[in-house]
Structure formats: C-alpha cells, structure tokens
C-alpha cells in the first residue's frame, strides 16, 4: 500500500466542524440549526466547479477536497466552516488506511 504523504505545515486553514441539531417541528418536518462541535486546522483545495439546476434556477456547484488530521467524529452529513464559508461533507475516507489523515469531499453551500 502506498503511504499518503502530506506536509502538516500545509494545514493552514482554520476550520470548524458543525453537526445538525434537528428536532421535530410538530407538523411532520424538522427545525433547528447547526452546533459547532470542534475546531482544527486543515487544507482546503477546490476540485471542480460547474452549474447545477435546482429550484427552477441554475446555481453554482463547487466541490472541494478538505484534508484534516484523523478524527473519529467526522462523518458525511456534517458541515465544515471556514471564514464565513460553509462546506457540506459528502464523503470521508482515510487515504492510506493509516489513521493519520482524513480526506473529505465537500460541496460549498451557497447561503
């Protein structure tokens, strides 16, 4: 197996990890927001950009690769924040199965 090498000095982006805090609203839906659970540094790299169609309009869709030190509490469905930007985590994997790093594929949310 190839060892995935990353210079830890490249983890310069301050990130906050948010988890959805949802509760039933009594009408069959959910209400709530996001709660910050951790903060750490990582590396944020844009991967692809393009249009997507939603809500009868075209929106920009930008995906990023976000690399962080390994944490057991990071999962798809959570969100990362960086300086007012929000990234929805789509998938998480350990690139070399060594337990040192996690690579998150994330989509930047347009709020």
PDB file of N, CA and C in Angstrom:
ATOM      1  N   UNK A   1       0.838  -1.176   0.000  1.00  0.00           N
ATOM      2  CA  UNK A   1       0.000   0.000   0.000  1.00  0.00           C
ATOM      3  C   UNK A   1       0.884   1.241   0.000  1.00  0.00           C
ATOM      4  N   UNK A   2       0.528   2.208  -0.793  1.00  0.00           N
ATOM      5  CA  UNK A   2       1.268   3.451  -0.880  1.00  0.00           C
ATOM      6  C   UNK A   2       0.940   4.330   0.315  1.00  0.00           C
ATOM      7  N   UNK A   3       1.979   4.895   0.922  1.00  0.00           N
ATOM      8  CA  UNK A   3       1.776   5.801   2.055  1.00  0.00           C
ATOM      9  C   UNK A   3       1.443   7.178   1.505  1.00  0.00           C
ATOM     10  N   UNK A   4       0.393   7.761   2.021  1.00  0.00           N
ATOM     11  CA  UNK A   4      -0.092   9.074   1.618  1.00  0.00           C
ATOM     12  C   UNK A   4       0.682  10.113   2.414  1.00  0.00           C
ATOM     13  N   UNK A   5       1.566  10.891   1.761  1.00  0.00           N
ATOM     14  CA  UNK A   5       2.371  11.879   2.477  1.00  0.00           C
ATOM     15  C   UNK A   5       1.773  13.264   2.322  1.00  0.00           C
ATOM     16  N   UNK A   6       1.609  13.928   3.447  1.00  0.00           N
ATOM     17  CA  UNK A   6       1.153  15.312   3.471  1.00  0.00           C
ATOM     18  C   UNK A   6       2.058  16.064   4.424  1.00  0.00           C
ATOM     19  N   UNK A   7       2.502  17.225   3.999  1.00  0.00           N
ATOM     20  CA  UNK A   7       3.277  18.090   4.880  1.00  0.00           C
ATOM     21  C   UNK A   7       2.293  18.741   5.857  1.00  0.00           C
ATOM     22  N   UNK A   8       2.388  18.437   7.170  1.00  0.00           N
ATOM     23  CA  UNK A   8       1.448  19.015   8.135  1.00  0.00           C
ATOM     24  C   UNK A   8       1.475  20.543   8.161  1.00  0.00           C
ATOM     25  N   UNK A   9       2.555  21.150   7.685  1.00  0.00           N
ATOM     26  CA  UNK A   9       2.630  22.604   7.616  1.00  0.00           C
ATOM     27  C   UNK A   9       1.668  23.211   6.611  1.00  0.00           C
ATOM     28  N   UNK A  10       1.073  22.372   5.763  1.00  0.00           N
ATOM     29  CA  UNK A  10       0.102  22.870   4.780  1.00  0.00           C
ATOM     30  C   UNK A  10      -1.310  22.949   5.358  1.00  0.00           C
ATOM     31  N   UNK A  11      -1.500  22.489   6.581  1.00  0.00           N
ATOM     32  CA  UNK A  11      -2.807  22.592   7.246  1.00  0.00           C
ATOM     33  C   UNK A  11      -2.912  23.987   7.859  1.00  0.00           C
ATOM     34  N   UNK A  12      -3.234  24.963   7.024  1.00  0.00           N
ATOM     35  CA  UNK A  12      -3.232  26.360   7.458  1.00  0.00           C
ATOM     36  C   UNK A  12      -4.621  26.972   7.588  1.00  0.00           C
ATOM     37  N   UNK A  13      -5.629  26.283   7.098  1.00  0.00           N
ATOM     38  CA  UNK A  13      -6.982  26.841   7.095  1.00  0.00           C
ATOM     39  C   UNK A  13      -7.690  26.503   8.402  1.00  0.00           C
ATOM     40  N   UNK A  14      -8.071  27.521   9.195  1.00  0.00           N
ATOM     41  CA  UNK A  14      -8.842  27.232  10.410  1.00  0.00           C
ATOM     42  C   UNK A  14     -10.254  26.783  10.035  1.00  0.00           C
ATOM     43  N   UNK A  15     -10.675  25.641  10.576  1.00  0.00           N
ATOM     44  CA  UNK A  15     -11.974  25.053  10.253  1.00  0.00           C
ATOM     45  C   UNK A  15     -12.770  24.806  11.521  1.00  0.00           C
ATOM     46  N   UNK A  16     -14.082  24.867  11.401  1.00  0.00           N
ATOM     47  CA  UNK A  16     -14.985  24.496  12.492  1.00  0.00           C
ATOM     48  C   UNK A  16     -15.876  23.371  11.985  1.00  0.00           C
ATOM     49  N   UNK A  17     -16.062  22.349  12.811  1.00  0.00           N
ATOM     50  CA  UNK A  17     -16.920  21.213  12.469  1.00  0.00           C
ATOM     51  C   UNK A  17     -18.283  21.423  13.105  1.00  0.00           C
ATOM     52  N   UNK A  18     -19.332  21.406  12.284  1.00  0.00           N
ATOM     53  CA  UNK A  18     -20.703  21.592  12.759  1.00  0.00           C
ATOM     54  C   UNK A  18     -21.498  20.310  12.569  1.00  0.00           C
ATOM     55  N   UNK A  19     -22.397  20.049  13.514  1.00  0.00           N
ATOM     56  CA  UNK A  19     -23.309  18.915  13.412  1.00  0.00           C
ATOM     57  C   UNK A  19     -24.737  19.472  13.404  1.00  0.00           C
ATOM     58  N   UNK A  20     -25.617  18.853  12.613  1.00  0.00           N
ATOM     59  CA  UNK A  20     -27.007  19.300  12.530  1.00  0.00           C
ATOM     60  C   UNK A  20     -27.719  19.020  13.845  1.00  0.00           C
ATOM     61  N   UNK A  21     -28.440  20.011  14.329  1.00  0.00           N
ATOM     62  CA  UNK A  21     -29.201  19.904  15.574  1.00  0.00           C
ATOM     63  C   UNK A  21     -30.680  20.037  15.210  1.00  0.00           C
ATOM     64  N   UNK A  22     -31.288  18.930  14.777  1.00  0.00           N
ATOM     65  CA  UNK A  22     -32.654  18.956  14.262  1.00  0.00           C
ATOM     66  C   UNK A  22     -33.626  18.299  15.234  1.00  0.00           C
ATOM     67  N   UNK A  23     -34.811  18.891  15.322  1.00  0.00           N
ATOM     68  CA  UNK A  23     -35.883  18.359  16.168  1.00  0.00           C
ATOM     69  C   UNK A  23     -37.187  18.415  15.390  1.00  0.00           C
ATOM     70  N   UNK A  24     -38.128  17.518  15.688  1.00  0.00           N
ATOM     71  CA  UNK A  24     -39.437  17.574  15.024  1.00  0.00           C
ATOM     72  C   UNK A  24     -40.136  18.900  15.323  1.00  0.00           C
ATOM     73  N   UNK A  25     -40.793  19.467  14.302  1.00  0.00           N
ATOM     74  CA  UNK A  25     -41.476  20.746  14.495  1.00  0.00           C
ATOM     75  C   UNK A  25     -42.958  20.583  14.809  1.00  0.00           C
ATOM     76  N   UNK A  26     -43.446  19.345  14.928  1.00  0.00           N
ATOM     77  CA  UNK A  26     -44.841  19.112  15.259  1.00  0.00           C
ATOM     78  C   UNK A  26     -45.755  19.064  14.052  1.00  0.00           C
ATOM     79  N   UNK A  27     -45.246  19.405  12.884  1.00  0.00           N
ATOM     80  CA  UNK A  27     -46.058  19.391  11.675  1.00  0.00           C
ATOM     81  C   UNK A  27     -45.505  18.408  10.651  1.00  0.00           C
ATOM     82  N   UNK A  28     -44.673  17.482  11.110  1.00  0.00           N
ATOM     83  CA  UNK A  28     -44.112  16.475  10.220  1.00  0.00           C
ATOM     84  C   UNK A  28     -42.761  16.833   9.636  1.00  0.00           C
ATOM     85  N   UNK A  29     -42.271  18.018   9.937  1.00  0.00           N
ATOM     86  CA  UNK A  29     -40.972  18.447   9.420  1.00  0.00           C
ATOM     87  C   UNK A  29     -39.945  18.518  10.532  1.00  0.00           C
ATOM     88  N   UNK A  30     -38.836  19.118  10.220  1.00  0.00           N
ATOM     89  CA  UNK A  30     -37.764  19.284  11.194  1.00  0.00           C
ATOM     90  C   UNK A  30     -37.383  20.747  11.286  1.00  0.00           C
ATOM     91  N   UNK A  31     -36.931  21.146  12.455  1.00  0.00           N
ATOM     92  CA  UNK A  31     -36.458  22.507  12.666  1.00  0.00           C
ATOM     93  C   UNK A  31     -35.169  22.448  13.466  1.00  0.00           C
ATOM     94  N   UNK A  32     -34.398  23.471  13.367  1.00  0.00           N
ATOM     95  CA  UNK A  32     -33.141  23.506  14.110  1.00  0.00           C
ATOM     96  C   UNK A  32     -32.064  24.212  13.327  1.00  0.00           C
ATOM     97  N   UNK A  33     -30.840  23.961  13.730  1.00  0.00           N
ATOM     98  CA  UNK A  33     -29.714  24.624  13.082  1.00  0.00           C
ATOM     99  C   UNK A  33     -28.475  23.772  13.192  1.00  0.00           C
ATOM    100  N   UNK A  34     -27.350  24.433  13.306  1.00  0.00           N
ATOM    101  CA  UNK A  34     -26.060  23.759  13.377  1.00  0.00           C
ATOM    102  C   UNK A  34     -25.375  24.110  14.685  1.00  0.00           C
ATOM    103  N   UNK A  35     -24.677  23.134  15.261  1.00  0.00           N
ATOM    104  CA  UNK A  35     -23.937  23.330  16.503  1.00  0.00           C
ATOM    105  C   UNK A  35     -22.474  22.997  16.256  1.00  0.00           C
ATOM    106  N   UNK A  36     -21.581  23.920  16.634  1.00  0.00           N
ATOM    107  CA  UNK A  36     -20.149  23.673  16.473  1.00  0.00           C
ATOM    108  C   UNK A  36     -19.693  22.639  17.493  1.00  0.00           C
ATOM    109  N   UNK A  37     -18.978  21.612  17.026  1.00  0.00           N
ATOM    110  CA  UNK A  37     -18.508  20.557  17.925  1.00  0.00           C
ATOM    111  C   UNK A  37     -16.996  20.532  18.078  1.00  0.00           C
ATOM    112  N   UNK A  38     -16.263  21.108  17.128  1.00  0.00           N
ATOM    113  CA  UNK A  38     -14.797  21.096  17.216  1.00  0.00           C
ATOM    114  C   UNK A  38     -14.226  22.160  16.295  1.00  0.00           C
ATOM    115  N   UNK A  39     -12.985  22.538  16.558  1.00  0.00           N
ATOM    116  CA  UNK A  39     -12.258  23.427  15.649  1.00  0.00           C
ATOM    117  C   UNK A  39     -10.836  22.903  15.507  1.00  0.00           C
ATOM    118  N   UNK A  40     -10.295  23.030  14.306  1.00  0.00           N
ATOM    119  CA  UNK A  40      -8.969  22.492  13.998  1.00  0.00           C
ATOM    120  C   UNK A  40      -8.499  23.122  12.694  1.00  0.00           C
ATOM    121  N   UNK A  41      -7.307  22.755  12.255  1.00  0.00           N
ATOM    122  CA  UNK A  41      -6.751  23.259  11.003  1.00  0.00           C
ATOM    123  C   UNK A  41      -6.752  22.162   9.944  1.00  0.00           C
ATOM    124  N   UNK A  42      -6.879  22.571   8.690  1.00  0.00           N
ATOM    125  CA  UNK A  42      -6.868  21.624   7.588  1.00  0.00           C
ATOM    126  C   UNK A  42      -6.419  22.295   6.309  1.00  0.00           C
ATOM    127  N   UNK A  43      -6.488  21.557   5.235  1.00  0.00           N
ATOM    128  CA  UNK A  43      -6.121  22.062   3.910  1.00  0.00           C
ATOM    129  C   UNK A  43      -7.349  21.985   3.019  1.00  0.00           C
ATOM    130  N   UNK A  44      -7.708  23.104   2.395  1.00  0.00           N
ATOM    131  CA  UNK A  44      -8.894  23.181   1.542  1.00  0.00           C
ATOM    132  C   UNK A  44      -8.438  23.410   0.101  1.00  0.00           C
ATOM    133  N   UNK A  45      -8.825  22.490  -0.797  1.00  0.00           N
ATOM    134  CA  UNK A  45      -8.446  22.584  -2.207  1.00  0.00           C
ATOM    135  C   UNK A  45      -9.693  22.490  -3.076  1.00  0.00           C
ATOM    136  N   UNK A  46      -9.915  23.441  -3.980  1.00  0.00           N
ATOM    137  CA  UNK A  46     -11.031  23.306  -4.917  1.00  0.00           C
ATOM    138  C   UNK A  46     -10.755  22.170  -5.895  1.00  0.00           C
ATOM    139  N   UNK A  47     -11.792  21.402  -6.214  1.00  0.00           N
ATOM    140  CA  UNK A  47     -11.648  20.256  -7.113  1.00  0.00           C
ATOM    141  C   UNK A  47     -12.351  20.513  -8.440  1.00  0.00           C
ATOM    142  N   UNK A  48     -13.600  20.937  -8.383  1.00  0.00           N
ATOM    143  CA  UNK A  48     -14.375  21.141  -9.609  1.00  0.00           C
ATOM    144  C   UNK A  48     -15.434  22.206  -9.373  1.00  0.00           C
ATOM    145  N   UNK A  49     -15.860  22.821 -10.467  1.00  0.00           N
ATOM    146  CA  UNK A  49     -16.926  23.814 -10.395  1.00  0.00           C
ATOM    147  C   UNK A  49     -17.787  23.676 -11.634  1.00  0.00           C
ATOM    148  N   UNK A  50     -19.063  23.972 -11.466  1.00  0.00           N
ATOM    149  CA  UNK A  50     -19.974  23.896 -12.598  1.00  0.00           C
ATOM    150  C   UNK A  50     -21.376  24.254 -12.170  1.00  0.00           C
ATOM    151  N   UNK A  51     -22.276  24.377 -13.126  1.00  0.00           N
ATOM    152  CA  UNK A  51     -23.658  24.725 -12.784  1.00  0.00           C
ATOM    153  C   UNK A  51     -24.475  23.492 -12.401  1.00  0.00           C
ATOM    154  N   UNK A  52     -25.497  23.717 -11.604  1.00  0.00           N
ATOM    155  CA  UNK A  52     -26.495  22.682 -11.332  1.00  0.00           C
ATOM    156  C   UNK A  52     -27.849  23.369 -11.312  1.00  0.00           C
ATOM    157  N   UNK A  53     -28.877  22.622 -11.630  1.00  0.00           N
ATOM    158  CA  UNK A  53     -30.218  23.177 -11.719  1.00  0.00           C
ATOM    159  C   UNK A  53     -31.010  22.748 -10.492  1.00  0.00           C
ATOM    160  N   UNK A  54     -31.527  23.700  -9.732  1.00  0.00           N
ATOM    161  CA  UNK A  54     -32.332  23.404  -8.540  1.00  0.00           C
ATOM    162  C   UNK A  54     -33.279  24.573  -8.299  1.00  0.00           C
ATOM    163  N   UNK A  55     -34.479  24.258  -7.884  1.00  0.00           N
ATOM    164  CA  UNK A  55     -35.449  25.306  -7.562  1.00  0.00           C
ATOM    165  C   UNK A  55     -35.751  26.217  -8.741  1.00  0.00           C
ATOM    166  N   UNK A  56     -35.808  25.632  -9.939  1.00  0.00           N
ATOM    167  CA  UNK A  56     -36.130  26.374 -11.154  1.00  0.00           C
ATOM    168  C   UNK A  56     -35.100  27.451 -11.488  1.00  0.00           C
ATOM    169  N   UNK A  57     -33.845  27.216 -11.079  1.00  0.00           N
ATOM    170  CA  UNK A  57     -32.779  28.155 -11.408  1.00  0.00           C
ATOM    171  C   UNK A  57     -31.436  27.433 -11.445  1.00  0.00           C
ATOM    172  N   UNK A  58     -30.479  28.032 -12.126  1.00  0.00           N
ATOM    173  CA  UNK A  58     -29.131  27.484 -12.158  1.00  0.00           C
ATOM    174  C   UNK A  58     -28.339  28.033 -10.976  1.00  0.00           C
ATOM    175  N   UNK A  59     -27.620  27.148 -10.299  1.00  0.00           N
ATOM    176  CA  UNK A  59     -26.780  27.524  -9.167  1.00  0.00           C
ATOM    177  C   UNK A  59     -25.353  27.072  -9.442  1.00  0.00           C
ATOM    178  N   UNK A  60     -24.398  27.755  -8.823  1.00  0.00           N
ATOM    179  CA  UNK A  60     -23.014  27.317  -8.926  1.00  0.00           C
ATOM    180  C   UNK A  60     -22.806  26.140  -7.992  1.00  0.00           C
ATOM    181  N   UNK A  61     -22.068  25.146  -8.453  1.00  0.00           N
ATOM    182  CA  UNK A  61     -21.773  23.975  -7.638  1.00  0.00           C
ATOM    183  C   UNK A  61     -20.257  23.809  -7.612  1.00  0.00           C
ATOM    184  N   UNK A  62     -19.656  23.978  -6.444  1.00  0.00           N
ATOM    185  CA  UNK A  62     -18.210  23.886  -6.298  1.00  0.00           C
ATOM    186  C   UNK A  62     -17.886  22.807  -5.287  1.00  0.00           C
ATOM    187  N   UNK A  63     -17.035  21.864  -5.688  1.00  0.00           N
ATOM    188  CA  UNK A  63     -16.618  20.817  -4.759  1.00  0.00           C
ATOM    189  C   UNK A  63     -15.179  21.068  -4.328  1.00  0.00           C
ATOM    190  N   UNK A  64     -14.880  20.641  -3.112  1.00  0.00           N
ATOM    191  CA  UNK A  64     -13.554  20.827  -2.528  1.00  0.00           C
ATOM    192  C   UNK A  64     -13.074  19.523  -1.908  1.00  0.00           C
ATOM    193  N   UNK A  65     -11.772  19.378  -1.861  1.00  0.00           N
ATOM    194  CA  UNK A  65     -11.131  18.293  -1.116  1.00  0.00           C
ATOM    195  C   UNK A  65     -10.550  18.946   0.137  1.00  0.00           C
ATOM    196  N   UNK A  66     -11.004  18.500   1.298  1.00  0.00           N
ATOM    197  CA  UNK A  66     -10.546  19.068   2.566  1.00  0.00           C
ATOM    198  C   UNK A  66      -9.826  17.970   3.336  1.00  0.00           C
ATOM    199  N   UNK A  67      -8.543  18.190   3.600  1.00  0.00           N
ATOM    200  CA  UNK A  67      -7.719  17.204   4.289  1.00  0.00           C
ATOM    201  C   UNK A  67      -7.463  17.678   5.712  1.00  0.00           C
ATOM    202  N   UNK A  68      -7.701  16.787   6.670  1.00  0.00           N
ATOM    203  CA  UNK A  68      -7.510  17.103   8.093  1.00  0.00           C
ATOM    204  C   UNK A  68      -6.801  15.936   8.771  1.00  0.00           C
ATOM    205  N   UNK A  69      -6.332  16.172   9.984  1.00  0.00           N
ATOM    206  CA  UNK A  69      -5.809  15.061  10.782  1.00  0.00           C
ATOM    207  C   UNK A  69      -6.979  14.157  11.154  1.00  0.00           C
ATOM    208  N   UNK A  70      -6.695  12.880  11.331  1.00  0.00           N
ATOM    209  CA  UNK A  70      -7.749  11.894  11.594  1.00  0.00           C
ATOM    210  C   UNK A  70      -8.531  12.239  12.858  1.00  0.00           C
ATOM    211  N   UNK A  71      -9.844  12.159  12.743  1.00  0.00           N
ATOM    212  CA  UNK A  71     -10.765  12.337  13.871  1.00  0.00           C
ATOM    213  C   UNK A  71     -11.868  11.301  13.704  1.00  0.00           C
ATOM    214  N   UNK A  72     -12.266  10.681  14.796  1.00  0.00           N
ATOM    215  CA  UNK A  72     -13.306   9.653  14.730  1.00  0.00           C
ATOM    216  C   UNK A  72     -14.706  10.246  14.583  1.00  0.00           C
ATOM    217  N   UNK A  73     -14.867  11.543  14.887  1.00  0.00           N
ATOM    218  CA  UNK A  73     -16.205  12.133  14.910  1.00  0.00           C
ATOM    219  C   UNK A  73     -16.607  12.835  13.608  1.00  0.00           C
ATOM    220  N   UNK A  74     -15.824  12.761  12.559  1.00  0.00           N
ATOM    221  CA  UNK A  74     -16.166  13.415  11.293  1.00  0.00           C
ATOM    222  C   UNK A  74     -16.889  12.415  10.396  1.00  0.00           C
ATOM    223  N   UNK A  75     -18.088  12.806   9.935  1.00  0.00           N
ATOM    224  CA  UNK A  75     -18.915  11.912   9.122  1.00  0.00           C
ATOM    225  C   UNK A  75     -19.610  12.702   8.011  1.00  0.00           C
ATOM    226  N   UNK A  76     -20.022  11.993   6.978  1.00  0.00           N
ATOM    227  CA  UNK A  76     -20.821  12.611   5.920  1.00  0.00           C
ATOM    228  C   UNK A  76     -22.115  13.139   6.532  1.00  0.00           C
ATOM    229  N   UNK A  77     -22.588  14.270   6.041  1.00  0.00           N
ATOM    230  CA  UNK A  77     -23.794  14.894   6.577  1.00  0.00           C
ATOM    231  C   UNK A  77     -23.481  16.020   7.543  1.00  0.00           C
ATOM    232  N   UNK A  78     -22.236  16.100   7.993  1.00  0.00           N
ATOM    233  CA  UNK A  78     -21.818  17.215   8.842  1.00  0.00           C
ATOM    234  C   UNK A  78     -21.397  18.374   7.938  1.00  0.00           C
ATOM    235  N   UNK A  79     -20.930  19.449   8.554  1.00  0.00           N
ATOM    236  CA  UNK A  79     -20.557  20.637   7.800  1.00  0.00           C
ATOM    237  C   UNK A  79     -19.258  21.197   8.358  1.00  0.00           C
ATOM    238  N   UNK A  80     -18.412  21.710   7.483  1.00  0.00           N
ATOM    239  CA  UNK A  80     -17.208  22.424   7.890  1.00  0.00           C
ATOM    240  C   UNK A  80     -17.387  23.892   7.536  1.00  0.00           C
ATOM    241  N   UNK A  81     -16.877  24.765   8.402  1.00  0.00           N
ATOM    242  CA  UNK A  81     -16.931  26.205   8.152  1.00  0.00           C
ATOM    243  C   UNK A  81     -15.514  26.756   8.089  1.00  0.00           C
ATOM    244  N   UNK A  82     -15.326  27.696   7.173  1.00  0.00           N
ATOM    245  CA  UNK A  82     -14.047  28.390   7.043  1.00  0.00           C
ATOM    246  C   UNK A  82     -14.334  29.842   6.699  1.00  0.00           C
ATOM    247  N   UNK A  83     -14.070  30.746   7.622  1.00  0.00           N
ATOM    248  CA  UNK A  83     -14.183  32.193   7.380  1.00  0.00           C
ATOM    249  C   UNK A  83     -15.493  32.583   6.689  1.00  0.00           C
ATOM    250  N   UNK A  84     -16.612  32.147   7.232  1.00  0.00           N
ATOM    251  CA  UNK A  84     -17.913  32.513   6.687  1.00  0.00           C
ATOM    252  C   UNK A  84     -18.393  31.655   5.528  1.00  0.00           C
ATOM    253  N   UNK A  85     -17.585  30.723   5.073  1.00  0.00           N
ATOM    254  CA  UNK A  85     -17.985  29.792   4.016  1.00  0.00           C
ATOM    255  C   UNK A  85     -18.406  28.477   4.651  1.00  0.00           C
ATOM    256  N   UNK A  86     -19.361  27.784   4.022  1.00  0.00           N
ATOM    257  CA  UNK A  86     -19.884  26.528   4.551  1.00  0.00           C
ATOM    258  C   UNK A  86     -19.676  25.411   3.537  1.00  0.00           C
ATOM    259  N   UNK A  87     -19.174  24.262   4.019  1.00  0.00           N
ATOM    260  CA  UNK A  87     -18.897  23.116   3.170  1.00  0.00           C
ATOM    261  C   UNK A  87     -19.647  21.901   3.706  1.00  0.00           C
ATOM    262  N   UNK A  88     -20.594  21.382   2.930  1.00  0.00           N
ATOM    263  CA  UNK A  88     -21.340  20.176   3.311  1.00  0.00           C
ATOM    264  C   UNK A  88     -20.468  18.962   3.000  1.00  0.00           C
ATOM    265  N   UNK A  89     -20.223  18.122   3.996  1.00  0.00           N
ATOM    266  CA  UNK A  89     -19.378  16.946   3.813  1.00  0.00           C
ATOM    267  C   UNK A  89     -20.185  15.856   3.111  1.00  0.00           C
ATOM    268  N   UNK A  90     -19.723  15.444   1.926  1.00  0.00           N
ATOM    269  CA  UNK A  90     -20.395  14.417   1.136  1.00  0.00           C
ATOM    270  C   UNK A  90     -19.838  13.030   1.416  1.00  0.00           C
ATOM    271  N   UNK A  91     -18.521  12.932   1.602  1.00  0.00           N
ATOM    272  CA  UNK A  91     -17.893  11.645   1.909  1.00  0.00           C
ATOM    273  C   UNK A  91     -16.605  11.889   2.682  1.00  0.00           C
ATOM    274  N   UNK A  92     -16.209  10.864   3.448  1.00  0.00           N
ATOM    275  CA  UNK A  92     -14.993  10.927   4.268  1.00  0.00           C
ATOM    276  C   UNK A  92     -14.248   9.616   4.091  1.00  0.00           C
ATOM    277  N   UNK A  93     -12.935   9.696   3.855  1.00  0.00           N
ATOM    278  CA  UNK A  93     -12.154   8.463   3.781  1.00  0.00           C
ATOM    279  C   UNK A  93     -10.728   8.692   4.273  1.00  0.00           C
ATOM    280  N   UNK A  94     -10.117   7.615   4.727  1.00  0.00           N
ATOM    281  CA  UNK A  94      -8.721   7.595   5.159  1.00  0.00           C
ATOM    282  C   UNK A  94      -7.909   7.193   3.929  1.00  0.00           C
ATOM    283  N   UNK A  95      -7.104   8.093   3.353  1.00  0.00           N
ATOM    284  CA  UNK A  95      -6.487   7.820   2.054  1.00  0.00           C
ATOM    285  C   UNK A  95      -5.529   6.636   2.020  1.00  0.00           C
ATOM    286  N   UNK A  96      -4.845   6.336   3.117  1.00  0.00           N
ATOM    287  CA  UNK A  96      -3.930   5.188   3.118  1.00  0.00           C
ATOM    288  C   UNK A  96      -4.209   4.215   4.262  1.00  0.00           C
ATOM    289  N   UNK A  97      -5.358   4.373   4.900  1.00  0.00           N
ATOM    290  CA  UNK A  97      -5.801   3.499   5.994  1.00  0.00           C
ATOM    291  C   UNK A  97      -4.779   3.405   7.124  1.00  0.00           C
ATOM    292  N   UNK A  98      -4.084   4.519   7.369  1.00  0.00           N
ATOM    293  CA  UNK A  98      -3.081   4.547   8.438  1.00  0.00           C
ATOM    294  C   UNK A  98      -3.610   5.200   9.709  1.00  0.00           C
ATOM    295  N   UNK A  99      -4.786   5.844   9.632  1.00  0.00           N
ATOM    296  CA  UNK A  99      -5.332   6.528  10.795  1.00  0.00           C
ATOM    297  C   UNK A  99      -4.659   7.862  11.065  1.00  0.00           C
ATOM    298  N   UNK A 100      -3.948   8.408  10.070  1.00  0.00           N
ATOM    299  CA  UNK A 100      -3.273   9.693  10.264  1.00  0.00           C
ATOM    300  C   UNK A 100      -4.079  10.865   9.721  1.00  0.00           C
ATOM    301  N   UNK A 101      -4.718  10.688   8.577  1.00  0.00           N
ATOM    302  CA  UNK A 101      -5.430  11.780   7.917  1.00  0.00           C
ATOM    303  C   UNK A 101      -6.816  11.328   7.476  1.00  0.00           C
ATOM    304  N   UNK A 102      -7.676  12.313   7.238  1.00  0.00           N
ATOM    305  CA  UNK A 102      -8.970  12.092   6.599  1.00  0.00           C
ATOM    306  C   UNK A 102      -9.072  13.048   5.424  1.00  0.00           C
ATOM    307  N   UNK A 103      -9.636  12.574   4.334  1.00  0.00           N
ATOM    308  CA  UNK A 103      -9.921  13.419   3.186  1.00  0.00           C
ATOM    309  C   UNK A 103     -11.434  13.490   3.053  1.00  0.00           C
ATOM    310  N   UNK A 104     -11.960  14.708   3.108  1.00  0.00           N
ATOM    311  CA  UNK A 104     -13.401  14.935   2.994  1.00  0.00           C
ATOM    312  C   UNK A 104     -13.688  15.536   1.622  1.00  0.00           C
ATOM    313  N   UNK A 105     -14.614  14.938   0.897  1.00  0.00           N
ATOM    314  CA  UNK A 105     -15.115  15.548  -0.324  1.00  0.00           C
ATOM    315  C   UNK A 105     -16.321  16.372   0.103  1.00  0.00           C
ATOM    316  N   UNK A 106     -16.286  17.664  -0.201  1.00  0.00           N
ATOM    317  CA  UNK A 106     -17.329  18.564   0.292  1.00  0.00           C
ATOM    318  C   UNK A 106     -17.823  19.473  -0.826  1.00  0.00           C
ATOM    319  N   UNK A 107     -19.084  19.896  -0.704  1.00  0.00           N
ATOM    320  CA  UNK A 107     -19.680  20.843  -1.638  1.00  0.00           C
ATOM    321  C   UNK A 107     -19.890  22.166  -0.906  1.00  0.00           C
ATOM    322  N   UNK A 108     -19.420  23.246  -1.515  1.00  0.00           N
ATOM    323  CA  UNK A 108     -19.609  24.556  -0.895  1.00  0.00           C
ATOM    324  C   UNK A 108     -21.075  24.952  -1.006  1.00  0.00           C
ATOM    325  N   UNK A 109     -21.668  25.335   0.126  1.00  0.00           N
ATOM    326  CA  UNK A 109     -23.076  25.713   0.155  1.00  0.00           C
ATOM    327  C   UNK A 109     -23.215  27.197  -0.118  1.00  0.00           C
ATOM    328  N   UNK A 110     -24.157  27.541  -0.974  1.00  0.00           N
ATOM    329  CA  UNK A 110     -24.456  28.938  -1.279  1.00  0.00           C
ATOM    330  C   UNK A 110     -25.606  29.369  -0.384  1.00  0.00           C
ATOM    331  N   UNK A 111     -25.321  30.181   0.613  1.00  0.00           N
ATOM    332  CA  UNK A 111     -26.363  30.608   1.558  1.00  0.00           C
ATOM    333  C   UNK A 111     -26.932  31.947   1.190  1.00  0.00           C
TER     334      UNK A 111
END
